[in-house]
Amino acid sequence: MRVVIQRVTHASVTIDGNLKSSIGNGLLILVGFEALDNAEDVNWMTRKVLGLRIFNDEAGVMNRSVLDIGGDILIVSQFTLHALTAKGNRPSYIRAAGHDIAVPLYEMFLKTVSAGLGHEVGSGTFGADMKVDLLNDGPVTICIDSKNKE
């Protein structure tokens, strides 16, 4: 399970010209799953995301989490996070999980993050052609892979 986390002042996702979700200050999380991912990966990533201290405190030091600031979260599925690019110029997505694995894990991630956050997260629609708009604050962008826990 891979995520790209961006600290944002606002973010939104639009599908077919219709606004699906939008958030204010908080995190935009792009998430991709591979075939070997499971509930343990989702639970670990949920704890990591909610506890990640990337918001400034009074001294201007990144020392606060999204929970500490009462921020929002928007989660968007993105299978291309598992692109293999070592050979040639056309990425391979063979490591990305199929719908039968990825959809239940994506839905679980939405539920566990919402529960931990204390309110619903915004989301895209799995497999849809989405337009994501954001204002990256910092910029702060962090990549995390559940297979690299150490």
C-alpha atoms as a PDB file:
ATOM      1  CA  MET A   1       0.000   0.000   0.000  1.00  0.00           C
ATOM      2  CA  ARG A   2       1.450   3.305  -1.070  1.00  0.00           C
ATOM      3  CA  VAL A   3       0.296   6.809  -0.302  1.00  0.00           C
ATOM      4  CA  VAL A   4       1.362  10.240  -1.398  1.00  0.00           C
ATOM      5  CA  ILE A   5       0.290  12.748   1.232  1.00  0.00           C
ATOM      6  CA  GLN A   6       0.084  16.439   0.471  1.00  0.00           C
ATOM      7  CA  ARG A   7      -0.546  19.095   3.088  1.00  0.00           C
ATOM      8  CA  VAL A   8      -3.156  21.364   1.508  1.00  0.00           C
ATOM      9  CA  THR A   9      -5.058  24.535   2.228  1.00  0.00           C
ATOM     10  CA  HIS A  10      -7.848  23.120   0.041  1.00  0.00           C
ATOM     11  CA  ALA A  11      -8.428  20.226  -2.342  1.00  0.00           C
ATOM     12  CA  SER A  12     -11.263  18.827  -4.412  1.00  0.00           C
ATOM     13  CA  VAL A  13     -12.093  16.017  -6.817  1.00  0.00           C
ATOM     14  CA  THR A  14     -14.409  16.413  -9.799  1.00  0.00           C
ATOM     15  CA  ILE A  15     -15.867  13.594 -11.908  1.00  0.00           C
ATOM     16  CA  ASP A  16     -17.547  14.278 -15.271  1.00  0.00           C
ATOM     17  CA  GLY A  17     -17.692  17.985 -14.435  1.00  0.00           C
ATOM     18  CA  ASN A  18     -19.447  17.372 -11.099  1.00  0.00           C
ATOM     19  CA  LEU A  19     -17.821  18.145  -7.759  1.00  0.00           C
ATOM     20  CA  LYS A  20     -17.565  14.857  -5.824  1.00  0.00           C
ATOM     21  CA  SER A  21     -15.718  16.042  -2.687  1.00  0.00           C
ATOM     22  CA  SER A  22     -13.850  19.027  -1.360  1.00  0.00           C
ATOM     23  CA  ILE A  23     -11.948  19.856   1.794  1.00  0.00           C
ATOM     24  CA  GLY A  24     -10.345  22.825   3.468  1.00  0.00           C
ATOM     25  CA  ASN A  25      -7.113  22.760   5.453  1.00  0.00           C
ATOM     26  CA  GLY A  26      -5.797  19.224   5.821  1.00  0.00           C
ATOM     27  CA  LEU A  27      -4.425  16.317   3.796  1.00  0.00           C
ATOM     28  CA  LEU A  28      -4.919  15.100   0.259  1.00  0.00           C
ATOM     29  CA  ILE A  29      -4.005  11.413   0.189  1.00  0.00           C
ATOM     30  CA  LEU A  30      -3.443   9.544  -3.072  1.00  0.00           C
ATOM     31  CA  VAL A  31      -3.543   5.801  -2.372  1.00  0.00           C
ATOM     32  CA  GLY A  32      -2.591   2.749  -4.404  1.00  0.00           C
ATOM     33  CA  PHE A  33      -2.799  -0.936  -3.502  1.00  0.00           C
ATOM     34  CA  GLU A  34      -0.833  -3.952  -4.666  1.00  0.00           C
ATOM     35  CA  ALA A  35      -1.923  -7.588  -4.701  1.00  0.00           C
ATOM     36  CA  LEU A  36      -0.119  -8.463  -1.440  1.00  0.00           C
ATOM     37  CA  ASP A  37      -1.782  -5.704   0.603  1.00  0.00           C
ATOM     38  CA  ASN A  38      -4.247  -6.586   3.356  1.00  0.00           C
ATOM     39  CA  ALA A  39      -6.090  -5.202   6.390  1.00  0.00           C
ATOM     40  CA  GLU A  40      -2.850  -5.009   8.377  1.00  0.00           C
ATOM     41  CA  ASP A  41      -1.432  -2.590   5.790  1.00  0.00           C
ATOM     42  CA  VAL A  42      -4.588  -0.454   5.928  1.00  0.00           C
ATOM     43  CA  ASN A  43      -4.586  -0.288   9.738  1.00  0.00           C
ATOM     44  CA  TRP A  44      -0.864   0.534   9.885  1.00  0.00           C
ATOM     45  CA  MET A  45      -1.241   3.243   7.239  1.00  0.00           C
ATOM     46  CA  THR A  46      -4.265   4.724   8.995  1.00  0.00           C
ATOM     47  CA  ARG A  47      -2.290   5.117  12.227  1.00  0.00           C
ATOM     48  CA  LYS A  48       0.664   6.564  10.325  1.00  0.00           C
ATOM     49  CA  VAL A  49      -1.410   9.103   8.386  1.00  0.00           C
ATOM     50  CA  LEU A  50      -3.411  10.308  11.375  1.00  0.00           C
ATOM     51  CA  GLY A  51      -0.321  10.671  13.547  1.00  0.00           C
ATOM     52  CA  LEU A  52       1.974  12.270  10.970  1.00  0.00           C
ATOM     53  CA  ARG A  53       3.159  15.598  12.401  1.00  0.00           C
ATOM     54  CA  ILE A  54       3.435  17.851   9.352  1.00  0.00           C
ATOM     55  CA  PHE A  55       1.445  20.911  10.449  1.00  0.00           C
ATOM     56  CA  ASN A  56       3.129  23.882  12.085  1.00  0.00           C
ATOM     57  CA  ASP A  57       2.869  24.678  15.777  1.00  0.00           C
ATOM     58  CA  GLU A  58       3.064  28.203  17.238  1.00  0.00           C
ATOM     59  CA  ALA A  59       6.840  28.238  16.715  1.00  0.00           C
ATOM     60  CA  GLY A  60       6.497  27.368  13.037  1.00  0.00           C
ATOM     61  CA  VAL A  61       7.817  23.829  13.555  1.00  0.00           C
ATOM     62  CA  MET A  62       6.078  20.864  11.905  1.00  0.00           C
ATOM     63  CA  ASN A  63       4.906  19.326  15.149  1.00  0.00           C
ATOM     64  CA  ARG A  64       1.130  18.853  14.780  1.00  0.00           C
ATOM     65  CA  SER A  65      -0.961  16.146  13.159  1.00  0.00           C
ATOM     66  CA  VAL A  66      -4.159  16.508  11.164  1.00  0.00           C
ATOM     67  CA  LEU A  67      -5.973  15.440  14.351  1.00  0.00           C
ATOM     68  CA  ASP A  68      -4.257  18.195  16.357  1.00  0.00           C
ATOM     69  CA  ILE A  69      -5.392  20.916  13.961  1.00  0.00           C
ATOM     70  CA  GLY A  70      -8.902  19.532  13.376  1.00  0.00           C
ATOM     71  CA  GLY A  71      -8.136  19.236   9.666  1.00  0.00           C
ATOM     72  CA  ASP A  72      -9.908  17.490   6.817  1.00  0.00           C
ATOM     73  CA  ILE A  73      -8.785  14.569   4.633  1.00  0.00           C
ATOM     74  CA  LEU A  74      -9.529  13.797   0.991  1.00  0.00           C
ATOM     75  CA  ILE A  75      -8.586  10.278  -0.196  1.00  0.00           C
ATOM     76  CA  VAL A  76      -8.282   9.489  -3.899  1.00  0.00           C
ATOM     77  CA  SER A  77      -7.436   6.071  -5.362  1.00  0.00           C
ATOM     78  CA  GLN A  78      -4.473   6.044  -7.752  1.00  0.00           C
ATOM     79  CA  PHE A  79      -3.217   2.698  -9.071  1.00  0.00           C
ATOM     80  CA  THR A  80      -0.380   4.454 -10.928  1.00  0.00           C
ATOM     81  CA  LEU A  81       1.507   4.748  -7.626  1.00  0.00           C
ATOM     82  CA  HIS A  82       2.632   1.162  -8.291  1.00  0.00           C
ATOM     83  CA  ALA A  83       4.003   1.875 -11.756  1.00  0.00           C
ATOM     84  CA  LEU A  84       7.144  -0.013 -12.705  1.00  0.00           C
ATOM     85  CA  THR A  85       9.421   2.129 -14.859  1.00  0.00           C
ATOM     86  CA  ALA A  86      12.736   0.257 -14.991  1.00  0.00           C
ATOM     87  CA  LYS A  87      12.295  -1.029 -18.546  1.00  0.00           C
ATOM     88  CA  GLY A  88      11.378   1.139 -21.479  1.00  0.00           C
ATOM     89  CA  ASN A  89       9.308   4.294 -21.377  1.00  0.00           C
ATOM     90  CA  ARG A  90       5.834   2.851 -20.905  1.00  0.00           C
ATOM     91  CA  PRO A  91       5.056   2.160 -17.228  1.00  0.00           C
ATOM     92  CA  SER A  92       3.828  -1.285 -16.240  1.00  0.00           C
ATOM     93  CA  TYR A  93       1.071  -1.604 -13.657  1.00  0.00           C
ATOM     94  CA  ILE A  94       1.385  -5.339 -13.096  1.00  0.00           C
ATOM     95  CA  ARG A  95       1.998  -4.830  -9.350  1.00  0.00           C
ATOM     96  CA  ALA A  96      -1.165  -2.782  -8.863  1.00  0.00           C
ATOM     97  CA  ALA A  97      -3.968  -4.782  -7.251  1.00  0.00           C
ATOM     98  CA  GLY A  98      -7.015  -5.684  -9.310  1.00  0.00           C
ATOM     99  CA  HIS A  99     -10.463  -4.394  -8.407  1.00  0.00           C
ATOM    100  CA  ASP A 100     -11.284  -7.531  -6.379  1.00  0.00           C
ATOM    101  CA  ILE A 101      -8.501  -6.691  -3.915  1.00  0.00           C
ATOM    102  CA  ALA A 102      -8.168  -2.916  -4.230  1.00  0.00           C
ATOM    103  CA  VAL A 103     -11.832  -1.870  -3.896  1.00  0.00           C
ATOM    104  CA  PRO A 104     -12.419  -3.540  -0.487  1.00  0.00           C
ATOM    105  CA  LEU A 105      -9.079  -2.180   0.796  1.00  0.00           C
ATOM    106  CA  TYR A 106      -9.900   1.318  -0.468  1.00  0.00           C
ATOM    107  CA  GLU A 107     -13.306   1.217   1.231  1.00  0.00           C
ATOM    108  CA  MET A 108     -11.695  -0.066   4.432  1.00  0.00           C
ATOM    109  CA  PHE A 109      -9.134   2.761   4.317  1.00  0.00           C
ATOM    110  CA  LEU A 110     -11.915   5.335   3.931  1.00  0.00           C
ATOM    111  CA  LYS A 111     -13.759   3.856   6.941  1.00  0.00           C
ATOM    112  CA  THR A 112     -10.741   3.510   9.238  1.00  0.00           C
ATOM    113  CA  VAL A 113      -9.447   7.007   8.488  1.00  0.00           C
ATOM    114  CA  SER A 114     -12.942   8.493   8.960  1.00  0.00           C
ATOM    115  CA  ALA A 115     -13.300   6.690  12.296  1.00  0.00           C
ATOM    116  CA  GLY A 116      -9.902   7.875  13.489  1.00  0.00           C
ATOM    117  CA  LEU A 117     -10.505  11.420  12.278  1.00  0.00           C
ATOM    118  CA  GLY A 118     -13.896  11.594  13.947  1.00  0.00           C
ATOM    119  CA  HIS A 119     -15.749  12.663  10.817  1.00  0.00           C
ATOM    120  CA  GLU A 120     -16.179  11.537   7.214  1.00  0.00           C
ATOM    121  CA  VAL A 121     -13.285  11.963   4.845  1.00  0.00           C
ATOM    122  CA  GLY A 122     -13.805  13.212   1.325  1.00  0.00           C
ATOM    123  CA  SER A 123     -13.163  10.718  -1.443  1.00  0.00           C
ATOM    124  CA  GLY A 124     -13.005  10.165  -5.135  1.00  0.00           C
ATOM    125  CA  THR A 125     -14.691   7.273  -6.910  1.00  0.00           C
ATOM    126  CA  PHE A 126     -12.592   4.159  -7.388  1.00  0.00           C
ATOM    127  CA  GLY A 127     -11.659   3.672 -11.039  1.00  0.00           C
ATOM    128  CA  ALA A 128     -13.241   6.912 -12.256  1.00  0.00           C
ATOM    129  CA  ASP A 129     -11.536   9.495 -14.447  1.00  0.00           C
ATOM    130  CA  MET A 130     -11.066  12.199 -11.828  1.00  0.00           C
ATOM    131  CA  LYS A 131      -9.792  15.752 -11.876  1.00  0.00           C
ATOM    132  CA  VAL A 132      -8.017  16.623  -8.636  1.00  0.00           C
ATOM    133  CA  ASP A 133      -7.453  20.247  -7.715  1.00  0.00           C
ATOM    134  CA  LEU A 134      -5.296  21.277  -4.764  1.00  0.00           C
ATOM    135  CA  LEU A 135      -3.222  24.010  -3.240  1.00  0.00           C
ATOM    136  CA  ASN A 136      -0.190  22.307  -1.705  1.00  0.00           C
ATOM    137  CA  ASP A 137       0.776  24.145   1.481  1.00  0.00           C
ATOM    138  CA  GLY A 138       4.530  24.426   1.948  1.00  0.00           C
ATOM    139  CA  PRO A 139       4.871  22.559  -0.314  1.00  0.00           C
ATOM    140  CA  VAL A 140       4.772  19.499   1.914  1.00  0.00           C
ATOM    141  CA  THR A 141       4.549  16.136   0.134  1.00  0.00           C
ATOM    142  CA  ILE A 142       5.332  12.785   1.795  1.00  0.00           C
ATOM    143  CA  CYS A 143       5.434   9.296   0.284  1.00  0.00           C
ATOM    144  CA  ILE A 144       4.836   6.234   2.489  1.00  0.00           C
ATOM    145  CA  ASP A 145       4.861   2.547   1.559  1.00  0.00           C
ATOM    146  CA  SER A 146       3.460   0.015   4.043  1.00  0.00           C
ATOM    147  CA  LYS A 147       6.088  -2.486   2.885  1.00  0.00           C
ATOM    148  CA  ASN A 148       8.849  -0.156   4.187  1.00  0.00           C
ATOM    149  CA  LYS A 149       7.905   0.122   7.863  1.00  0.00           C
ATOM    150  CA  GLU A 150      11.444   0.303   9.191  1.00  0.00           C
END
